[in-house]
Amino acid sequence: MNKIMLIGNLGRDPEMSYTTSGKAVTRFSLAVNRNTKTSTGERQEETEWFSIIFFDRLAEVSNQYLKKGQKVFIEGRLTTRKYTDKTGVERTAVEVIANDMEMLTPKGQPGAGASSPGGYLGGDDSLGDLDDHPF
């Protein structure tokens, strides 16, 4: 089973584009914090960054309502893809293909849209023609 659930804050505003076949794709980074204790007993916070990808209707909704700093719950699956960077080096990217989202930032707080629908939103988690999309 390949399933991941995350609660975190958007590190940047979502960016929406379209595949060559017209499928909506929205991407953003998500910061997930974790509290740990050092060997001396001090608390420290660690932040892990995730690349999130939405498709179709969920891509459109997330692009419309999510903003940098908002807290969201994301459910999806991990995927990896290989690409060649600008210098010709082959790299591997680990990404979350999201199929569900819940907005957690209360209305009226910074980053929350007044017309935000809130609540649970499900979407299509298929990769479809992701290979056609120039990332």
N, C-alpha and C. Protein backbone atom coordinates (compact mmCIF):
# COMPACT_ATOMS: atom_id res chain seq x y z
N MET A 1 0.84 -1.17 0.00
CA MET A 1 0.00 0.00 0.00
C MET A 1 0.89 1.24 0.00
N ASN A 2 0.55 2.20 -0.80
CA ASN A 2 1.31 3.45 -0.91
C ASN A 2 0.36 4.58 -0.53
N LYS A 3 0.43 5.03 0.73
CA LYS A 3 -0.47 6.07 1.22
C LYS A 3 0.30 6.97 2.17
N ILE A 4 0.11 8.28 2.00
CA ILE A 4 0.77 9.24 2.87
C ILE A 4 -0.26 10.27 3.31
N MET A 5 -0.21 10.66 4.59
CA MET A 5 -1.09 11.69 5.13
C MET A 5 -0.20 12.74 5.79
N LEU A 6 -0.42 13.99 5.44
CA LEU A 6 0.40 15.08 5.95
C LEU A 6 -0.46 16.23 6.44
N ILE A 7 -0.02 16.89 7.49
CA ILE A 7 -0.59 18.16 7.92
C ILE A 7 0.56 19.14 7.97
N GLY A 8 0.41 20.24 7.25
CA GLY A 8 1.49 21.23 7.21
C GLY A 8 1.00 22.55 6.65
N ASN A 9 1.96 23.43 6.43
CA ASN A 9 1.67 24.77 5.92
C ASN A 9 2.27 24.94 4.53
N LEU A 10 1.52 25.62 3.66
CA LEU A 10 2.01 25.88 2.31
C LEU A 10 3.24 26.77 2.38
N GLY A 11 4.29 26.36 1.70
CA GLY A 11 5.53 27.13 1.67
C GLY A 11 5.51 28.21 0.60
N ARG A 12 4.59 28.10 -0.34
CA ARG A 12 4.43 29.10 -1.40
C ARG A 12 3.03 28.97 -1.96
N ASP A 13 2.59 29.99 -2.67
CA ASP A 13 1.28 29.93 -3.32
C ASP A 13 1.29 28.82 -4.35
N PRO A 14 0.14 28.16 -4.53
CA PRO A 14 0.05 27.13 -5.57
C PRO A 14 0.28 27.72 -6.96
N GLU A 15 0.85 26.89 -7.83
CA GLU A 15 1.07 27.29 -9.23
C GLU A 15 0.36 26.28 -10.11
N MET A 16 -0.60 26.77 -10.91
CA MET A 16 -1.36 25.88 -11.77
C MET A 16 -0.91 26.02 -13.22
N SER A 17 -0.87 24.89 -13.91
CA SER A 17 -0.57 24.86 -15.34
C SER A 17 -1.42 23.74 -15.93
N TYR A 18 -1.23 23.49 -17.21
CA TYR A 18 -2.01 22.47 -17.89
C TYR A 18 -1.09 21.56 -18.68
N THR A 19 -1.45 20.27 -18.74
CA THR A 19 -0.71 19.34 -19.58
C THR A 19 -1.06 19.63 -21.03
N THR A 20 -0.36 18.99 -21.95
CA THR A 20 -0.63 19.21 -23.37
C THR A 20 -2.04 18.76 -23.75
N SER A 21 -2.63 17.86 -22.96
CA SER A 21 -3.99 17.41 -23.25
C SER A 21 -5.04 18.25 -22.52
N GLY A 22 -4.61 19.29 -21.79
CA GLY A 22 -5.55 20.19 -21.13
C GLY A 22 -5.89 19.84 -19.70
N LYS A 23 -5.19 18.90 -19.10
CA LYS A 23 -5.45 18.49 -17.72
C LYS A 23 -4.81 19.49 -16.76
N ALA A 24 -5.60 20.01 -15.80
CA ALA A 24 -5.08 20.97 -14.81
C ALA A 24 -4.13 20.28 -13.84
N VAL A 25 -3.00 20.94 -13.56
CA VAL A 25 -1.99 20.45 -12.63
C VAL A 25 -1.59 21.61 -11.73
N THR A 26 -1.70 21.42 -10.42
CA THR A 26 -1.29 22.45 -9.46
C THR A 26 -0.21 21.87 -8.57
N ARG A 27 0.83 22.68 -8.33
CA ARG A 27 1.97 22.25 -7.50
C ARG A 27 2.23 23.31 -6.43
N PHE A 28 2.68 22.83 -5.27
CA PHE A 28 3.18 23.73 -4.22
C PHE A 28 4.02 22.91 -3.26
N SER A 29 4.74 23.61 -2.40
CA SER A 29 5.54 22.94 -1.38
C SER A 29 4.79 23.00 -0.05
N LEU A 30 4.96 21.96 0.76
CA LEU A 30 4.30 21.86 2.05
C LEU A 30 5.35 21.62 3.12
N ALA A 31 5.35 22.46 4.16
CA ALA A 31 6.27 22.33 5.28
C ALA A 31 5.56 21.57 6.41
N VAL A 32 6.13 20.45 6.81
CA VAL A 32 5.58 19.65 7.89
C VAL A 32 6.57 19.67 9.04
N ASN A 33 6.10 20.13 10.21
CA ASN A 33 6.96 20.26 11.38
C ASN A 33 6.83 19.04 12.29
N ARG A 34 7.95 18.71 12.93
CA ARG A 34 7.98 17.60 13.88
C ARG A 34 8.84 18.02 15.06
N ASN A 35 8.31 17.83 16.27
CA ASN A 35 9.06 18.16 17.47
C ASN A 35 9.82 16.94 17.96
N THR A 36 11.09 17.13 18.28
CA THR A 36 11.93 16.06 18.81
C THR A 36 12.69 16.59 20.02
N LYS A 37 13.36 15.70 20.71
CA LYS A 37 14.21 16.10 21.83
C LYS A 37 15.66 15.75 21.50
N THR A 38 16.56 16.65 21.85
CA THR A 38 17.98 16.39 21.66
C THR A 38 18.46 15.44 22.75
N SER A 39 19.70 15.02 22.67
CA SER A 39 20.27 14.12 23.67
C SER A 39 20.33 14.77 25.05
N THR A 40 20.30 16.11 25.10
CA THR A 40 20.32 16.83 26.38
C THR A 40 18.91 17.13 26.88
N GLY A 41 17.88 16.67 26.14
CA GLY A 41 16.50 16.86 26.58
C GLY A 41 15.84 18.14 26.08
N GLU A 42 16.56 18.92 25.29
CA GLU A 42 15.97 20.15 24.76
C GLU A 42 15.04 19.81 23.60
N ARG A 43 13.94 20.54 23.52
CA ARG A 43 13.01 20.33 22.41
C ARG A 43 13.51 21.10 21.20
N GLN A 44 13.41 20.47 20.05
CA GLN A 44 13.76 21.15 18.82
C GLN A 44 12.73 20.79 17.76
N GLU A 45 12.52 21.72 16.85
CA GLU A 45 11.56 21.48 15.78
C GLU A 45 12.30 21.23 14.48
N GLU A 46 11.90 20.17 13.80
CA GLU A 46 12.46 19.84 12.49
C GLU A 46 11.38 20.07 11.45
N THR A 47 11.77 20.59 10.30
CA THR A 47 10.82 20.81 9.21
C THR A 47 11.22 19.97 8.02
N GLU A 48 10.25 19.22 7.51
CA GLU A 48 10.43 18.41 6.32
C GLU A 48 9.58 19.04 5.21
N TRP A 49 10.16 19.18 4.02
CA TRP A 49 9.46 19.79 2.89
C TRP A 49 9.01 18.72 1.91
N PHE A 50 7.77 18.85 1.44
CA PHE A 50 7.19 17.92 0.47
C PHE A 50 6.70 18.69 -0.74
N SER A 51 6.89 18.10 -1.92
CA SER A 51 6.33 18.65 -3.16
C SER A 51 4.97 17.99 -3.36
N ILE A 52 3.93 18.82 -3.46
CA ILE A 52 2.56 18.33 -3.59
C ILE A 52 2.06 18.61 -5.00
N ILE A 53 1.35 17.64 -5.58
CA ILE A 53 0.79 17.79 -6.93
C ILE A 53 -0.69 17.40 -6.89
N PHE A 54 -1.53 18.28 -7.42
CA PHE A 54 -2.96 18.00 -7.59
C PHE A 54 -3.28 17.94 -9.07
N PHE A 55 -4.31 17.17 -9.43
CA PHE A 55 -4.78 17.09 -10.81
C PHE A 55 -6.25 17.45 -10.90
N ASP A 56 -6.67 17.83 -12.08
CA ASP A 56 -8.07 18.03 -12.46
C ASP A 56 -8.78 19.03 -11.55
N ARG A 57 -9.98 18.69 -11.10
CA ARG A 57 -10.81 19.63 -10.32
C ARG A 57 -10.12 20.03 -9.02
N LEU A 58 -9.48 19.09 -8.35
CA LEU A 58 -8.78 19.41 -7.11
C LEU A 58 -7.64 20.39 -7.37
N ALA A 59 -7.02 20.30 -8.53
CA ALA A 59 -5.97 21.26 -8.92
C ALA A 59 -6.57 22.65 -9.04
N GLU A 60 -7.73 22.75 -9.66
CA GLU A 60 -8.38 24.06 -9.84
C GLU A 60 -8.82 24.65 -8.50
N VAL A 61 -9.42 23.83 -7.64
CA VAL A 61 -9.89 24.30 -6.34
C VAL A 61 -8.71 24.73 -5.46
N SER A 62 -7.66 23.93 -5.42
CA SER A 62 -6.51 24.27 -4.58
C SER A 62 -5.84 25.55 -5.07
N ASN A 63 -5.77 25.73 -6.37
CA ASN A 63 -5.18 26.95 -6.92
C ASN A 63 -6.02 28.17 -6.56
N GLN A 64 -7.32 28.00 -6.52
CA GLN A 64 -8.22 29.12 -6.23
C GLN A 64 -8.23 29.49 -4.75
N TYR A 65 -8.22 28.52 -3.85
CA TYR A 65 -8.45 28.80 -2.43
C TYR A 65 -7.22 28.74 -1.53
N LEU A 66 -6.17 28.04 -1.93
CA LEU A 66 -5.01 27.92 -1.05
C LEU A 66 -4.03 29.06 -1.27
N LYS A 67 -3.40 29.48 -0.18
CA LYS A 67 -2.40 30.55 -0.21
C LYS A 67 -1.23 30.16 0.69
N LYS A 68 -0.11 30.77 0.43
CA LYS A 68 1.09 30.55 1.24
C LYS A 68 0.76 30.74 2.72
N GLY A 69 1.23 29.81 3.55
CA GLY A 69 1.05 29.91 4.99
C GLY A 69 -0.15 29.14 5.52
N GLN A 70 -1.12 28.82 4.69
CA GLN A 70 -2.29 28.10 5.15
C GLN A 70 -1.94 26.70 5.60
N LYS A 71 -2.69 26.23 6.61
CA LYS A 71 -2.51 24.86 7.10
C LYS A 71 -3.51 23.97 6.37
N VAL A 72 -3.02 22.82 5.87
CA VAL A 72 -3.87 21.87 5.16
C VAL A 72 -3.52 20.45 5.54
N PHE A 73 -4.51 19.59 5.39
CA PHE A 73 -4.33 18.14 5.50
C PHE A 73 -4.31 17.62 4.07
N ILE A 74 -3.31 16.83 3.74
CA ILE A 74 -3.16 16.25 2.42
C ILE A 74 -3.09 14.74 2.56
N GLU A 75 -3.83 14.05 1.70
CA GLU A 75 -3.74 12.60 1.64
C GLU A 75 -3.45 12.22 0.19
N GLY A 76 -2.54 11.29 0.00
CA GLY A 76 -2.19 10.89 -1.35
C GLY A 76 -1.22 9.74 -1.35
N ARG A 77 -0.37 9.71 -2.36
CA ARG A 77 0.62 8.64 -2.48
C ARG A 77 1.95 9.25 -2.92
N LEU A 78 3.02 8.57 -2.56
CA LEU A 78 4.36 9.00 -2.97
C LEU A 78 4.67 8.47 -4.35
N THR A 79 5.37 9.27 -5.11
CA THR A 79 5.83 8.84 -6.42
C THR A 79 7.22 9.41 -6.65
N THR A 80 7.99 8.75 -7.48
CA THR A 80 9.31 9.26 -7.84
C THR A 80 9.36 9.41 -9.36
N ARG A 81 10.14 10.35 -9.79
CA ARG A 81 10.36 10.52 -11.23
C ARG A 81 11.80 10.97 -11.43
N LYS A 82 12.35 10.56 -12.53
CA LYS A 82 13.71 10.95 -12.89
C LYS A 82 13.65 12.08 -13.90
N TYR A 83 14.59 12.99 -13.80
CA TYR A 83 14.69 14.08 -14.75
C TYR A 83 16.15 14.49 -14.86
N THR A 84 16.46 15.23 -15.90
CA THR A 84 17.81 15.74 -16.08
C THR A 84 17.78 17.24 -15.82
N ASP A 85 18.65 17.69 -14.90
CA ASP A 85 18.66 19.11 -14.57
C ASP A 85 19.36 19.93 -15.66
N LYS A 86 19.43 21.23 -15.45
CA LYS A 86 19.99 22.15 -16.44
C LYS A 86 21.46 21.89 -16.75
N THR A 87 22.16 21.26 -15.80
CA THR A 87 23.58 20.99 -16.01
C THR A 87 23.81 19.60 -16.62
N GLY A 88 22.70 18.87 -16.90
CA GLY A 88 22.83 17.55 -17.51
C GLY A 88 22.94 16.40 -16.53
N VAL A 89 22.78 16.67 -15.23
CA VAL A 89 22.87 15.64 -14.21
C VAL A 89 21.49 15.01 -14.02
N GLU A 90 21.44 13.67 -14.02
CA GLU A 90 20.17 12.99 -13.79
C GLU A 90 19.83 13.03 -12.30
N ARG A 91 18.61 13.41 -12.00
CA ARG A 91 18.14 13.55 -10.61
C ARG A 91 16.86 12.74 -10.43
N THR A 92 16.51 12.51 -9.17
CA THR A 92 15.26 11.85 -8.82
C THR A 92 14.47 12.77 -7.91
N ALA A 93 13.19 12.98 -8.23
CA ALA A 93 12.31 13.80 -7.40
C ALA A 93 11.29 12.89 -6.74
N VAL A 94 11.06 13.10 -5.44
CA VAL A 94 10.03 12.39 -4.69
C VAL A 94 8.90 13.39 -4.48
N GLU A 95 7.69 13.01 -4.90
CA GLU A 95 6.55 13.92 -4.84
C GLU A 95 5.34 13.21 -4.28
N VAL A 96 4.38 14.00 -3.79
CA VAL A 96 3.12 13.48 -3.29
C VAL A 96 2.05 13.81 -4.32
N ILE A 97 1.43 12.77 -4.87
CA ILE A 97 0.28 12.95 -5.75
C ILE A 97 -0.93 12.93 -4.83
N ALA A 98 -1.53 14.10 -4.61
CA ALA A 98 -2.63 14.23 -3.65
C ALA A 98 -3.95 13.84 -4.28
N ASN A 99 -4.76 13.12 -3.50
CA ASN A 99 -6.10 12.80 -3.97
C ASN A 99 -7.17 13.33 -3.03
N ASP A 100 -6.79 13.82 -1.86
CA ASP A 100 -7.72 14.41 -0.91
C ASP A 100 -7.05 15.58 -0.21
N MET A 101 -7.88 16.56 0.19
CA MET A 101 -7.36 17.73 0.88
C MET A 101 -8.41 18.26 1.82
N GLU A 102 -7.98 18.77 2.97
CA GLU A 102 -8.87 19.47 3.87
C GLU A 102 -8.16 20.74 4.32
N MET A 103 -8.82 21.87 4.14
CA MET A 103 -8.26 23.15 4.57
C MET A 103 -8.45 23.29 6.07
N LEU A 104 -7.37 23.57 6.80
CA LEU A 104 -7.41 23.61 8.25
C LEU A 104 -7.29 25.02 8.83
N THR A 105 -6.88 25.99 8.03
CA THR A 105 -6.75 27.36 8.53
C THR A 105 -8.15 27.93 8.70
N PRO A 106 -8.52 28.35 9.93
CA PRO A 106 -9.85 28.92 10.15
C PRO A 106 -10.06 30.20 9.34
N LYS A 107 -11.31 30.41 8.93
CA LYS A 107 -11.65 31.64 8.21
C LYS A 107 -11.30 32.83 9.09
N GLY A 108 -10.84 33.90 8.46
CA GLY A 108 -10.50 35.11 9.19
C GLY A 108 -9.05 35.18 9.63
N GLN A 109 -8.33 34.07 9.61
CA GLN A 109 -6.92 34.10 9.96
C GLN A 109 -6.10 34.39 8.71
N PRO A 110 -4.90 34.95 8.88
CA PRO A 110 -4.06 35.24 7.71
C PRO A 110 -3.90 34.01 6.83
N GLY A 111 -4.08 34.22 5.53
CA GLY A 111 -3.92 33.13 4.58
C GLY A 111 -5.22 32.43 4.25
N ALA A 112 -6.28 32.67 5.05
CA ALA A 112 -7.56 32.02 4.79
C ALA A 112 -8.42 32.93 3.94
N GLY A 113 -8.92 32.41 2.83
CA GLY A 113 -9.80 33.20 1.97
C GLY A 113 -11.18 33.30 2.58
N ALA A 114 -11.82 34.45 2.48
CA ALA A 114 -13.15 34.65 3.04
C ALA A 114 -14.17 33.73 2.40
N SER A 115 -13.95 33.40 1.14
CA SER A 115 -14.91 32.54 0.45
C SER A 115 -14.42 31.09 0.37
N SER A 116 -13.41 30.77 1.19
CA SER A 116 -12.86 29.42 1.19
C SER A 116 -13.94 28.40 1.53
N PRO A 117 -14.06 27.33 0.75
CA PRO A 117 -15.11 26.35 1.01
C PRO A 117 -14.86 25.53 2.26
N GLY A 118 -13.61 25.44 2.72
CA GLY A 118 -13.29 24.64 3.88
C GLY A 118 -13.63 23.18 3.64
N GLY A 119 -13.28 22.35 4.61
CA GLY A 119 -13.70 20.97 4.55
C GLY A 119 -12.93 20.10 3.58
N TYR A 120 -13.48 18.93 3.37
CA TYR A 120 -12.84 17.85 2.64
C TYR A 120 -13.07 17.99 1.14
N LEU A 121 -12.04 17.81 0.38
CA LEU A 121 -12.15 17.83 -1.08
C LEU A 121 -11.41 16.64 -1.63
N GLY A 122 -12.05 15.84 -2.43
CA GLY A 122 -11.41 14.67 -3.03
C GLY A 122 -11.09 14.95 -4.48
N GLY A 123 -10.17 14.20 -5.03
CA GLY A 123 -9.80 14.42 -6.42
C GLY A 123 -9.28 13.16 -7.08
N ASP A 124 -8.92 13.29 -8.32
CA ASP A 124 -8.37 12.20 -9.11
C ASP A 124 -6.88 12.12 -8.86
N ASP A 125 -6.40 10.95 -8.46
CA ASP A 125 -4.98 10.82 -8.16
C ASP A 125 -4.20 10.17 -9.28
N SER A 126 -4.77 10.08 -10.46
CA SER A 126 -4.07 9.43 -11.56
C SER A 126 -2.98 10.33 -12.12
N LEU A 127 -1.90 9.74 -12.54
CA LEU A 127 -0.83 10.50 -13.15
C LEU A 127 -1.20 10.96 -14.54
N GLY A 128 -2.10 10.24 -15.17
CA GLY A 128 -2.55 10.64 -16.50
C GLY A 128 -1.36 10.87 -17.40
N ASP A 129 -1.32 12.04 -18.04
CA ASP A 129 -0.25 12.34 -18.97
C ASP A 129 0.76 13.30 -18.35
N LEU A 130 1.15 13.00 -17.11
CA LEU A 130 2.14 13.82 -16.40
C LEU A 130 3.43 13.91 -17.20
N ASP A 131 3.77 12.85 -17.93
CA ASP A 131 5.01 12.88 -18.71
C ASP A 131 4.95 13.93 -19.80
N ASP A 132 3.74 14.31 -20.21
CA ASP A 132 3.60 15.35 -21.23
C ASP A 132 3.80 16.73 -20.67
N HIS A 133 3.82 16.86 -19.35
CA HIS A 133 3.89 18.17 -18.72
C HIS A 133 5.34 18.59 -18.48
N PRO A 134 5.75 19.73 -19.00
CA PRO A 134 7.13 20.16 -18.81
C PRO A 134 7.33 20.80 -17.43
N PHE A 135 7.91 20.06 -16.50
CA PHE A 135 8.13 20.60 -15.15
C PHE A 135 9.44 21.30 -15.06
